[in-house]
Amino acid sequence: MAALAHPVECSRGLAVQSVRRFPQYWGRWFASLGDDDVKETNLNIFYHLGAAISSLYAAISVDKRVLDAFSEVYFVHEWITTFLRETEEFGSLLKDSRISAEALSNIVQRWVNDIQSGVREATTFTQKEVSRFLRSKEQLESDFERECRSLPVFTVTPKGLYDTRLLIEKGEEKFPERARAVFTPLLVNDLRQAAKCLAFDVPTAMAFHVMRATESLIKRYYEVLAKNPWPYAQRDWGRYIAELEKLPDVSKVITGRLTEIQKLNRNPLIHPEEIILSNGPAGAG
C-alpha cells in the first residue's frame, strides 16, 4: 500500500504496524452491488474510524511529547481523510458530520506537518490543543450520531435458501450453466431484475419480470427450432405459442404448459388491479 511507504512513518517504525489499522485495508465504505446504484455499506469500517479516533484520544495528554503519539496521530489523519472522500456523494445527508470531520482533520494535520518538519520532535501537547481536540471529537460524534440515521442503509433479510448477494447481483445463476448458454441478454436482464425484486420484497414486480423472461425464452425456443429469427411484427405470448405449434419438433406437452401459464398466470398478472404477495396472489379488488 502507498501509505506504508510514507518516509516519516518508516522512520518512526510504523511500517511494522498491522495493515489493518489503515483504512485502505478495508476497501470501499459503500460498494456497488451489481451494475446499478444499489450499494452495500460496510458498517465495520465506521467502527474502525471511531476506534482510531478513540485510540488517539487515549494517547494524547497535556505535557506528553507529540512525537510519542505520532502513530495514533498519523492513523487518525488517514481515517478522517478517507471518511471525507468516501462520504462525498452523501454530502447532503452528512453535512454537519463532514464539517466536524474537517475541523478535526485540521487539528491532526498540523501535528503531522509539525512532526514531519521536525518542529515538534521535542515539544508536548498543550492544554489548549488537547481541549480543542476533545471538543472537535465530541462534535463529530454528536453530528454523526444524528445524521447517520438519514443514511439510506437497510438490511435485506434472507429469502429461503437463496444467497442474498447472488439474488441482487447474479439472479440468472439460479439456472445451470448449460441452460444459461442459450439465454439472451434481455432474458438475463429480466432474471436479474426478478431476483432483485425477490431480495427487496417486491413480489408483483418480480412476477412481472419472470413472465417477461419466460416470454423471451419462448421466443428463443422458437428461433432455435425454426432455425431463423422471429419473422413476424406481432410479438406476444399467444402468437409465439401458435407459431410453435406449427413446428414439427415441438412437444405438445411444452406448448400445452405454456398455454396454461398464459391463461392462469401471465394474463391475470398484467391486470393493473392484480397484486402479488410474498405468499401468493392477492387477487384483484
C-alpha atoms as a PDB file:
ATOM      1  CA  MET A   1       0.000   0.000   0.000  1.00  0.00           C
ATOM      2  CA  ALA A   2       1.177   3.507  -0.788  1.00  0.00           C
ATOM      3  CA  ALA A   3       0.628   4.608   2.817  1.00  0.00           C
ATOM      4  CA  LEU A   4       3.253   2.128   4.052  1.00  0.00           C
ATOM      5  CA  ALA A   5       5.946   3.952   2.061  1.00  0.00           C
ATOM      6  CA  HIS A   6       5.452   7.247   3.925  1.00  0.00           C
ATOM      7  CA  PRO A   7       9.030   8.375   4.864  1.00  0.00           C
ATOM      8  CA  VAL A   8       8.189   9.633   8.357  1.00  0.00           C
ATOM      9  CA  GLU A   9       6.128   6.518   9.009  1.00  0.00           C
ATOM     10  CA  CYS A  10       9.081   4.318   8.148  1.00  0.00           C
ATOM     11  CA  SER A  11      11.460   6.381  10.254  1.00  0.00           C
ATOM     12  CA  ARG A  12       9.180   6.018  13.284  1.00  0.00           C
ATOM     13  CA  GLY A  13       8.738   2.304  12.855  1.00  0.00           C
ATOM     14  CA  LEU A  14       5.135   2.484  11.669  1.00  0.00           C
ATOM     15  CA  ALA A  15       5.870   0.130   8.797  1.00  0.00           C
ATOM     16  CA  VAL A  16       5.712  -2.780  11.218  1.00  0.00           C
ATOM     17  CA  GLN A  17       2.204  -1.834  12.385  1.00  0.00           C
ATOM     18  CA  SER A  18      -0.656  -4.083  11.336  1.00  0.00           C
ATOM     19  CA  VAL A  19      -2.022  -3.078   7.953  1.00  0.00           C
ATOM     20  CA  ARG A  20      -5.480  -3.480   9.471  1.00  0.00           C
ATOM     21  CA  ARG A  21      -5.042  -0.041  11.007  1.00  0.00           C
ATOM     22  CA  PHE A  22      -5.062   1.586   7.583  1.00  0.00           C
ATOM     23  CA  PRO A  23      -8.433   2.493   6.036  1.00  0.00           C
ATOM     24  CA  GLN A  24      -7.142   1.300   2.659  1.00  0.00           C
ATOM     25  CA  TYR A  25      -7.077  -2.248   4.027  1.00  0.00           C
ATOM     26  CA  TRP A  26     -10.880  -2.332   4.364  1.00  0.00           C
ATOM     27  CA  GLY A  27     -11.748  -1.223   0.836  1.00  0.00           C
ATOM     28  CA  ARG A  28     -14.753   0.846  -0.168  1.00  0.00           C
ATOM     29  CA  TRP A  29     -17.116   2.120   2.521  1.00  0.00           C
ATOM     30  CA  PHE A  30     -20.032   1.985   0.076  1.00  0.00           C
ATOM     31  CA  ALA A  31     -19.516  -0.763  -2.513  1.00  0.00           C
ATOM     32  CA  SER A  32     -21.755  -1.115  -5.560  1.00  0.00           C
ATOM     33  CA  LEU A  33     -23.814  -4.280  -5.869  1.00  0.00           C
ATOM     34  CA  GLY A  34     -24.254  -5.456  -9.425  1.00  0.00           C
ATOM     35  CA  ASP A  35     -24.485  -2.872 -12.172  1.00  0.00           C
ATOM     36  CA  ASP A  36     -26.903  -0.372 -10.653  1.00  0.00           C
ATOM     37  CA  ASP A  37     -26.986   2.241  -7.884  1.00  0.00           C
ATOM     38  CA  VAL A  38     -27.601  -0.167  -5.001  1.00  0.00           C
ATOM     39  CA  LYS A  39     -24.653  -0.010  -2.607  1.00  0.00           C
ATOM     40  CA  GLU A  40     -23.589  -2.179   0.291  1.00  0.00           C
ATOM     41  CA  THR A  41     -22.497  -0.223   3.380  1.00  0.00           C
ATOM     42  CA  ASN A  42     -19.547  -1.679   5.276  1.00  0.00           C
ATOM     43  CA  LEU A  43     -20.519  -0.815   8.848  1.00  0.00           C
ATOM     44  CA  ASN A  44     -17.297  -2.363  10.153  1.00  0.00           C
ATOM     45  CA  ILE A  45     -15.277   0.425   8.558  1.00  0.00           C
ATOM     46  CA  PHE A  46     -17.176   3.073  10.517  1.00  0.00           C
ATOM     47  CA  TYR A  47     -16.360   1.132  13.681  1.00  0.00           C
ATOM     48  CA  HIS A  48     -12.646   1.283  12.854  1.00  0.00           C
ATOM     49  CA  LEU A  49     -12.896   5.028  12.194  1.00  0.00           C
ATOM     50  CA  GLY A  50     -14.267   5.518  15.705  1.00  0.00           C
ATOM     51  CA  ALA A  51     -11.678   3.142  17.150  1.00  0.00           C
ATOM     52  CA  ALA A  52      -8.832   5.127  15.566  1.00  0.00           C
ATOM     53  CA  ILE A  53     -10.151   8.437  16.951  1.00  0.00           C
ATOM     54  CA  SER A  54     -10.646   6.893  20.404  1.00  0.00           C
ATOM     55  CA  SER A  55      -7.113   5.490  20.296  1.00  0.00           C
ATOM     56  CA  LEU A  56      -5.700   8.961  19.638  1.00  0.00           C
ATOM     57  CA  TYR A  57      -7.862  10.451  22.382  1.00  0.00           C
ATOM     58  CA  ALA A  58      -6.395   7.918  24.837  1.00  0.00           C
ATOM     59  CA  ALA A  59      -2.843   8.552  23.606  1.00  0.00           C
ATOM     60  CA  ILE A  60      -2.657  12.338  23.982  1.00  0.00           C
ATOM     61  CA  SER A  61      -2.363  14.259  27.208  1.00  0.00           C
ATOM     62  CA  VAL A  62      -1.046  17.599  28.402  1.00  0.00           C
ATOM     63  CA  ASP A  63       2.795  17.708  28.509  1.00  0.00           C
ATOM     64  CA  LYS A  64       3.167  14.420  26.614  1.00  0.00           C
ATOM     65  CA  ARG A  65       5.572  14.522  23.672  1.00  0.00           C
ATOM     66  CA  VAL A  66       3.714  14.829  20.377  1.00  0.00           C
ATOM     67  CA  LEU A  67       6.261  12.520  18.791  1.00  0.00           C
ATOM     68  CA  ASP A  68       5.308   9.728  21.188  1.00  0.00           C
ATOM     69  CA  ALA A  69       1.749   9.724  19.854  1.00  0.00           C
ATOM     70  CA  PHE A  70       2.654  10.073  16.202  1.00  0.00           C
ATOM     71  CA  SER A  71       1.379   6.599  15.307  1.00  0.00           C
ATOM     72  CA  GLU A  72      -2.122   7.420  16.560  1.00  0.00           C
ATOM     73  CA  VAL A  73      -1.985  10.922  15.035  1.00  0.00           C
ATOM     74  CA  TYR A  74      -0.995   9.560  11.646  1.00  0.00           C
ATOM     75  CA  PHE A  75      -3.685   6.870  11.534  1.00  0.00           C
ATOM     76  CA  VAL A  76      -6.454   9.296  12.546  1.00  0.00           C
ATOM     77  CA  HIS A  77      -5.322  11.627   9.784  1.00  0.00           C
ATOM     78  CA  GLU A  78      -5.600   8.747   7.298  1.00  0.00           C
ATOM     79  CA  TRP A  79      -9.022   7.693   8.580  1.00  0.00           C
ATOM     80  CA  ILE A  80     -10.604  11.144   8.549  1.00  0.00           C
ATOM     81  CA  THR A  81      -9.201  11.910   5.097  1.00  0.00           C
ATOM     82  CA  THR A  82     -10.704   8.672   3.819  1.00  0.00           C
ATOM     83  CA  PHE A  83     -14.016   9.342   5.584  1.00  0.00           C
ATOM     84  CA  LEU A  84     -14.314  12.692   3.812  1.00  0.00           C
ATOM     85  CA  ARG A  85     -13.531  11.126   0.449  1.00  0.00           C
ATOM     86  CA  GLU A  86     -15.815   8.101   0.816  1.00  0.00           C
ATOM     87  CA  THR A  87     -18.821  10.108   2.055  1.00  0.00           C
ATOM     88  CA  GLU A  88     -18.584  12.854  -0.561  1.00  0.00           C
ATOM     89  CA  GLU A  89     -21.596  11.571  -2.519  1.00  0.00           C
ATOM     90  CA  PHE A  90     -23.644  11.689   0.694  1.00  0.00           C
ATOM     91  CA  GLY A  91     -22.620  15.249   1.456  1.00  0.00           C
ATOM     92  CA  SER A  92     -26.189  16.482   1.729  1.00  0.00           C
ATOM     93  CA  LEU A  93     -27.006  13.801   4.313  1.00  0.00           C
ATOM     94  CA  LEU A  94     -23.802  14.163   6.350  1.00  0.00           C
ATOM     95  CA  LYS A  95     -23.275  17.905   6.007  1.00  0.00           C
ATOM     96  CA  ASP A  96     -22.532  18.694   9.670  1.00  0.00           C
ATOM     97  CA  SER A  97     -20.546  15.484  10.185  1.00  0.00           C
ATOM     98  CA  ARG A  98     -18.247  16.359   7.304  1.00  0.00           C
ATOM     99  CA  ILE A  99     -17.762  19.892   8.635  1.00  0.00           C
ATOM    100  CA  SER A 100     -16.833  18.461  12.051  1.00  0.00           C
ATOM    101  CA  ALA A 101     -14.529  15.918  10.427  1.00  0.00           C
ATOM    102  CA  GLU A 102     -12.796  18.725   8.516  1.00  0.00           C
ATOM    103  CA  ALA A 103     -12.229  20.620  11.769  1.00  0.00           C
ATOM    104  CA  LEU A 104     -10.772  17.539  13.449  1.00  0.00           C
ATOM    105  CA  SER A 105      -8.650  16.840  10.395  1.00  0.00           C
ATOM    106  CA  ASN A 106      -7.166  20.365  10.523  1.00  0.00           C
ATOM    107  CA  ILE A 107      -6.052  19.833  14.118  1.00  0.00           C
ATOM    108  CA  VAL A 108      -4.447  16.493  13.352  1.00  0.00           C
ATOM    109  CA  GLN A 109      -2.927  17.747  10.103  1.00  0.00           C
ATOM    110  CA  ARG A 110      -0.994  20.443  11.954  1.00  0.00           C
ATOM    111  CA  TRP A 111       0.502  17.836  14.267  1.00  0.00           C
ATOM    112  CA  VAL A 112       1.526  15.712  11.277  1.00  0.00           C
ATOM    113  CA  ASN A 113       3.048  18.690   9.468  1.00  0.00           C
ATOM    114  CA  ASP A 114       4.991  19.865  12.524  1.00  0.00           C
ATOM    115  CA  ILE A 115       6.485  16.432  13.174  1.00  0.00           C
ATOM    116  CA  GLN A 116       7.417  15.955   9.521  1.00  0.00           C
ATOM    117  CA  SER A 117       9.212  19.284   9.522  1.00  0.00           C
ATOM    118  CA  GLY A 118      10.996  18.495  12.785  1.00  0.00           C
ATOM    119  CA  VAL A 119       9.400  21.400  14.634  1.00  0.00           C
ATOM    120  CA  ARG A 120       7.586  19.319  17.275  1.00  0.00           C
ATOM    121  CA  GLU A 121      10.028  16.487  17.954  1.00  0.00           C
ATOM    122  CA  ALA A 122      10.774  17.734  21.450  1.00  0.00           C
ATOM    123  CA  THR A 123       7.554  19.611  22.166  1.00  0.00           C
ATOM    124  CA  THR A 124       4.484  18.450  24.045  1.00  0.00           C
ATOM    125  CA  PHE A 125       0.727  18.693  23.706  1.00  0.00           C
ATOM    126  CA  THR A 126      -0.616  21.863  25.275  1.00  0.00           C
ATOM    127  CA  GLN A 127      -3.766  22.185  27.322  1.00  0.00           C
ATOM    128  CA  LYS A 128      -5.290  24.276  24.550  1.00  0.00           C
ATOM    129  CA  GLU A 129      -4.558  21.644  21.896  1.00  0.00           C
ATOM    130  CA  VAL A 130      -5.921  18.776  23.955  1.00  0.00           C
ATOM    131  CA  SER A 131      -9.097  20.734  24.714  1.00  0.00           C
ATOM    132  CA  ARG A 132      -9.600  21.661  21.068  1.00  0.00           C
ATOM    133  CA  PHE A 133      -9.165  18.048  20.002  1.00  0.00           C
ATOM    134  CA  LEU A 134     -11.651  16.853  22.632  1.00  0.00           C
ATOM    135  CA  ARG A 135     -14.261  19.425  21.571  1.00  0.00           C
ATOM    136  CA  SER A 136     -13.851  18.541  17.895  1.00  0.00           C
ATOM    137  CA  LYS A 137     -14.066  14.826  18.635  1.00  0.00           C
ATOM    138  CA  GLU A 138     -17.271  15.244  20.635  1.00  0.00           C
ATOM    139  CA  GLN A 139     -18.775  17.489  17.955  1.00  0.00           C
ATOM    140  CA  LEU A 140     -18.091  14.901  15.246  1.00  0.00           C
ATOM    141  CA  GLU A 141     -19.602  12.149  17.380  1.00  0.00           C
ATOM    142  CA  SER A 142     -22.696  14.229  18.067  1.00  0.00           C
ATOM    143  CA  ASP A 143     -23.186  15.232  14.438  1.00  0.00           C
ATOM    144  CA  PHE A 144     -22.648  11.750  13.062  1.00  0.00           C
ATOM    145  CA  GLU A 145     -24.921  10.154  15.662  1.00  0.00           C
ATOM    146  CA  ARG A 146     -27.707  12.448  14.462  1.00  0.00           C
ATOM    147  CA  GLU A 147     -27.047  12.397  10.732  1.00  0.00           C
ATOM    148  CA  CYS A 148     -26.193   8.732  10.264  1.00  0.00           C
ATOM    149  CA  ARG A 149     -29.888   7.969  10.763  1.00  0.00           C
ATOM    150  CA  SER A 150     -30.544   9.711   7.452  1.00  0.00           C
ATOM    151  CA  LEU A 151     -28.221   7.425   5.521  1.00  0.00           C
ATOM    152  CA  PRO A 152     -30.335   5.013   3.443  1.00  0.00           C
ATOM    153  CA  VAL A 153     -28.887   1.861   4.991  1.00  0.00           C
ATOM    154  CA  PHE A 154     -31.186  -1.157   5.186  1.00  0.00           C
ATOM    155  CA  THR A 155     -30.811  -4.845   5.912  1.00  0.00           C
ATOM    156  CA  VAL A 156     -32.024  -7.300   3.272  1.00  0.00           C
ATOM    157  CA  THR A 157     -33.497 -10.300   5.056  1.00  0.00           C
ATOM    158  CA  PRO A 158     -32.725 -13.849   3.790  1.00  0.00           C
ATOM    159  CA  LYS A 159     -35.125 -15.338   1.241  1.00  0.00           C
ATOM    160  CA  GLY A 160     -35.262 -19.073   1.876  1.00  0.00           C
ATOM    161  CA  LEU A 161     -32.014 -20.806   0.915  1.00  0.00           C
ATOM    162  CA  TYR A 162     -31.014 -18.122  -1.592  1.00  0.00           C
ATOM    163  CA  ASP A 163     -27.762 -16.218  -1.181  1.00  0.00           C
ATOM    164  CA  THR A 164     -28.784 -12.563  -0.803  1.00  0.00           C
ATOM    165  CA  ARG A 165     -25.762 -11.201  -2.696  1.00  0.00           C
ATOM    166  CA  LEU A 166     -26.379 -13.563  -5.626  1.00  0.00           C
ATOM    167  CA  LEU A 167     -30.033 -12.537  -5.720  1.00  0.00           C
ATOM    168  CA  ILE A 168     -29.019  -8.899  -6.034  1.00  0.00           C
ATOM    169  CA  GLU A 169     -26.107  -9.371  -8.423  1.00  0.00           C
ATOM    170  CA  LYS A 170     -26.488 -12.593 -10.437  1.00  0.00           C
ATOM    171  CA  GLY A 171     -30.008 -13.957 -10.261  1.00  0.00           C
ATOM    172  CA  GLU A 172     -29.567 -15.892 -13.520  1.00  0.00           C
ATOM    173  CA  GLU A 173     -27.150 -18.264 -11.767  1.00  0.00           C
ATOM    174  CA  LYS A 174     -30.183 -19.981 -10.283  1.00  0.00           C
ATOM    175  CA  PHE A 175     -30.110 -21.931 -13.565  1.00  0.00           C
ATOM    176  CA  PRO A 176     -27.400 -24.432 -14.624  1.00  0.00           C
ATOM    177  CA  GLU A 177     -24.628 -23.263 -16.920  1.00  0.00           C
ATOM    178  CA  ARG A 178     -25.858 -25.324 -19.872  1.00  0.00           C
ATOM    179  CA  ALA A 179     -29.206 -23.514 -19.689  1.00  0.00           C
ATOM    180  CA  ARG A 180     -27.594 -20.082 -19.324  1.00  0.00           C
ATOM    181  CA  ALA A 181     -25.615 -20.709 -22.504  1.00  0.00           C
ATOM    182  CA  VAL A 182     -28.756 -20.069 -24.591  1.00  0.00           C
ATOM    183  CA  PHE A 183     -30.036 -17.083 -22.577  1.00  0.00           C
ATOM    184  CA  THR A 184     -30.305 -13.818 -24.479  1.00  0.00           C
ATOM    185  CA  PRO A 185     -29.103 -10.556 -22.868  1.00  0.00           C
ATOM    186  CA  LEU A 186     -32.733  -9.443 -22.494  1.00  0.00           C
ATOM    187  CA  LEU A 187     -33.600 -12.692 -20.731  1.00  0.00           C
ATOM    188  CA  VAL A 188     -30.643 -12.387 -18.364  1.00  0.00           C
ATOM    189  CA  ASN A 189     -31.617  -8.807 -17.553  1.00  0.00           C
ATOM    190  CA  ASP A 190     -35.176  -9.804 -16.635  1.00  0.00           C
ATOM    191  CA  LEU A 191     -33.967 -12.694 -14.494  1.00  0.00           C
ATOM    192  CA  ARG A 192     -31.639 -10.340 -12.634  1.00  0.00           C
ATOM    193  CA  GLN A 193     -34.402  -7.810 -12.109  1.00  0.00           C
ATOM    194  CA  ALA A 194     -36.753 -10.542 -10.884  1.00  0.00           C
ATOM    195  CA  ALA A 195     -34.156 -11.804  -8.403  1.00  0.00           C
ATOM    196  CA  LYS A 196     -33.591  -8.271  -7.091  1.00  0.00           C
ATOM    197  CA  CYS A 197     -37.331  -7.852  -6.647  1.00  0.00           C
ATOM    198  CA  LEU A 198     -37.376 -11.074  -4.633  1.00  0.00           C
ATOM    199  CA  ALA A 199     -34.487  -9.843  -2.464  1.00  0.00           C
ATOM    200  CA  PHE A 200     -36.171  -6.492  -1.804  1.00  0.00           C
ATOM    201  CA  ASP A 201     -39.685  -7.893  -1.251  1.00  0.00           C
ATOM    202  CA  VAL A 202     -41.365  -6.546  -4.392  1.00  0.00           C
ATOM    203  CA  PRO A 203     -43.288  -9.687  -5.434  1.00  0.00           C
ATOM    204  CA  THR A 204     -45.606  -8.139  -8.046  1.00  0.00           C
ATOM    205  CA  ALA A 205     -42.649  -6.661  -9.935  1.00  0.00           C
ATOM    206  CA  MET A 206     -40.790  -9.955  -9.533  1.00  0.00           C
ATOM    207  CA  ALA A 207     -43.664 -11.892 -11.128  1.00  0.00           C
ATOM    208  CA  PHE A 208     -43.808  -9.358 -13.973  1.00  0.00           C
ATOM    209  CA  HIS A 209     -40.092  -9.807 -14.755  1.00  0.00           C
ATOM    210  CA  VAL A 210     -40.387 -13.595 -14.505  1.00  0.00           C
ATOM    211  CA  MET A 211     -43.129 -13.523 -17.132  1.00  0.00           C
ATOM    212  CA  ARG A 212     -41.043 -11.230 -19.353  1.00  0.00           C
ATOM    213  CA  ALA A 213     -38.109 -13.625 -19.008  1.00  0.00           C
ATOM    214  CA  THR A 214     -40.336 -16.587 -19.850  1.00  0.00           C
ATOM    215  CA  GLU A 215     -41.614 -14.829 -22.940  1.00  0.00           C
ATOM    216  CA  SER A 216     -38.046 -14.127 -24.058  1.00  0.00           C
ATOM    217  CA  LEU A 217     -37.257 -17.803 -23.606  1.00  0.00           C
ATOM    218  CA  ILE A 218     -40.312 -18.856 -25.655  1.00  0.00           C
ATOM    219  CA  LYS A 219     -39.156 -16.623 -28.499  1.00  0.00           C
ATOM    220  CA  ARG A 220     -35.639 -18.047 -28.248  1.00  0.00           C
ATOM    221  CA  TYR A 221     -37.078 -21.585 -28.261  1.00  0.00           C
ATOM    222  CA  TYR A 222     -38.950 -20.840 -31.474  1.00  0.00           C
ATOM    223  CA  GLU A 223     -35.870 -19.365 -33.186  1.00  0.00           C
ATOM    224  CA  VAL A 224     -33.722 -22.384 -32.328  1.00  0.00           C
ATOM    225  CA  LEU A 225     -36.271 -24.888 -33.632  1.00  0.00           C
ATOM    226  CA  ALA A 226     -37.277 -22.826 -36.681  1.00  0.00           C
ATOM    227  CA  LYS A 227     -33.615 -22.092 -37.411  1.00  0.00           C
ATOM    228  CA  ASN A 228     -34.334 -18.461 -38.173  1.00  0.00           C
ATOM    229  CA  PRO A 229     -35.116 -15.243 -36.251  1.00  0.00           C
ATOM    230  CA  TRP A 230     -38.700 -14.432 -35.316  1.00  0.00           C
ATOM    231  CA  PRO A 231     -40.146 -13.241 -38.656  1.00  0.00           C
ATOM    232  CA  TYR A 232     -43.369 -11.517 -37.565  1.00  0.00           C
ATOM    233  CA  ALA A 233     -44.061  -7.968 -36.457  1.00  0.00           C
ATOM    234  CA  GLN A 234     -46.503  -9.262 -33.845  1.00  0.00           C
ATOM    235  CA  ARG A 235     -44.689 -10.401 -30.726  1.00  0.00           C
ATOM    236  CA  ASP A 236     -46.861 -11.697 -27.937  1.00  0.00           C
ATOM    237  CA  TRP A 237     -47.226 -14.857 -25.909  1.00  0.00           C
ATOM    238  CA  GLY A 238     -50.250 -16.173 -27.814  1.00  0.00           C
ATOM    239  CA  ARG A 239     -48.624 -15.701 -31.230  1.00  0.00           C
ATOM    240  CA  TYR A 240     -45.432 -17.419 -30.027  1.00  0.00           C
ATOM    241  CA  ILE A 241     -47.408 -20.480 -28.915  1.00  0.00           C
ATOM    242  CA  ALA A 242     -49.429 -20.543 -32.140  1.00  0.00           C
ATOM    243  CA  GLU A 243     -46.275 -20.493 -34.270  1.00  0.00           C
ATOM    244  CA  LEU A 244     -44.563 -23.089 -32.088  1.00  0.00           C
ATOM    245  CA  GLU A 245     -47.456 -25.467 -32.596  1.00  0.00           C
ATOM    246  CA  LYS A 246     -46.839 -25.331 -36.342  1.00  0.00           C
ATOM    247  CA  LEU A 247     -43.310 -26.679 -35.963  1.00  0.00           C
ATOM    248  CA  PRO A 248     -42.956 -30.461 -36.260  1.00  0.00           C
ATOM    249  CA  ASP A 249     -40.373 -30.913 -33.483  1.00  0.00           C
ATOM    250  CA  VAL A 250     -42.207 -29.057 -30.708  1.00  0.00           C
ATOM    251  CA  SER A 251     -43.517 -31.093 -27.796  1.00  0.00           C
ATOM    252  CA  LYS A 252     -47.253 -30.773 -27.205  1.00  0.00           C
ATOM    253  CA  VAL A 253     -46.501 -31.022 -23.506  1.00  0.00           C
ATOM    254  CA  ILE A 254     -44.451 -27.817 -23.686  1.00  0.00           C
ATOM    255  CA  THR A 255     -46.954 -25.831 -25.731  1.00  0.00           C
ATOM    256  CA  GLY A 256     -49.774 -27.083 -23.518  1.00  0.00           C
ATOM    257  CA  ARG A 257     -47.947 -25.980 -20.384  1.00  0.00           C
ATOM    258  CA  LEU A 258     -47.167 -22.587 -21.929  1.00  0.00           C
ATOM    259  CA  THR A 259     -50.852 -22.104 -22.751  1.00  0.00           C
ATOM    260  CA  GLU A 260     -51.756 -22.976 -19.171  1.00  0.00           C
ATOM    261  CA  ILE A 261     -49.241 -20.487 -17.776  1.00  0.00           C
ATOM    262  CA  GLN A 262     -50.514 -17.823 -20.154  1.00  0.00           C
ATOM    263  CA  LYS A 263     -54.138 -18.219 -19.084  1.00  0.00           C
ATOM    264  CA  LEU A 264     -53.704 -18.880 -15.368  1.00  0.00           C
ATOM    265  CA  ASN A 265     -50.635 -16.759 -14.567  1.00  0.00           C
ATOM    266  CA  ARG A 266     -49.440 -14.394 -17.238  1.00  0.00           C
ATOM    267  CA  ASN A 267     -52.744 -12.844 -18.362  1.00  0.00           C
ATOM    268  CA  PRO A 268     -54.103 -12.217 -14.835  1.00  0.00           C
ATOM    269  CA  LEU A 269     -50.737 -10.813 -13.751  1.00  0.00           C
ATOM    270  CA  ILE A 270     -50.756  -7.963 -16.257  1.00  0.00           C
ATOM    271  CA  HIS A 271     -54.147  -6.804 -14.942  1.00  0.00           C
ATOM    272  CA  PRO A 272     -53.496  -3.444 -13.196  1.00  0.00           C
ATOM    273  CA  GLU A 273     -55.523  -4.462 -10.130  1.00  0.00           C
ATOM    274  CA  GLU A 274     -53.714  -7.770  -9.579  1.00  0.00           C
ATOM    275  CA  ILE A 275     -51.464  -7.760  -6.517  1.00  0.00           C
ATOM    276  CA  ILE A 276     -48.894 -10.442  -5.819  1.00  0.00           C
ATOM    277  CA  LEU A 277     -47.994 -11.058  -2.183  1.00  0.00           C
ATOM    278  CA  SER A 278     -44.955 -12.903  -0.903  1.00  0.00           C
ATOM    279  CA  ASN A 279     -47.104 -15.943  -0.140  1.00  0.00           C
ATOM    280  CA  GLY A 280     -49.103 -15.844  -3.402  1.00  0.00           C
ATOM    281  CA  PRO A 281     -51.565 -13.738  -5.430  1.00  0.00           C
ATOM    282  CA  ALA A 282     -53.941 -11.492  -3.510  1.00  0.00           C
ATOM    283  CA  GLY A 283     -56.299 -11.247  -6.459  1.00  0.00           C
ATOM    284  CA  ALA A 284     -57.948  -8.229  -7.986  1.00  0.00           C
ATOM    285  CA  GLY A 285     -60.155  -5.989  -5.974  1.00  0.00           C
END
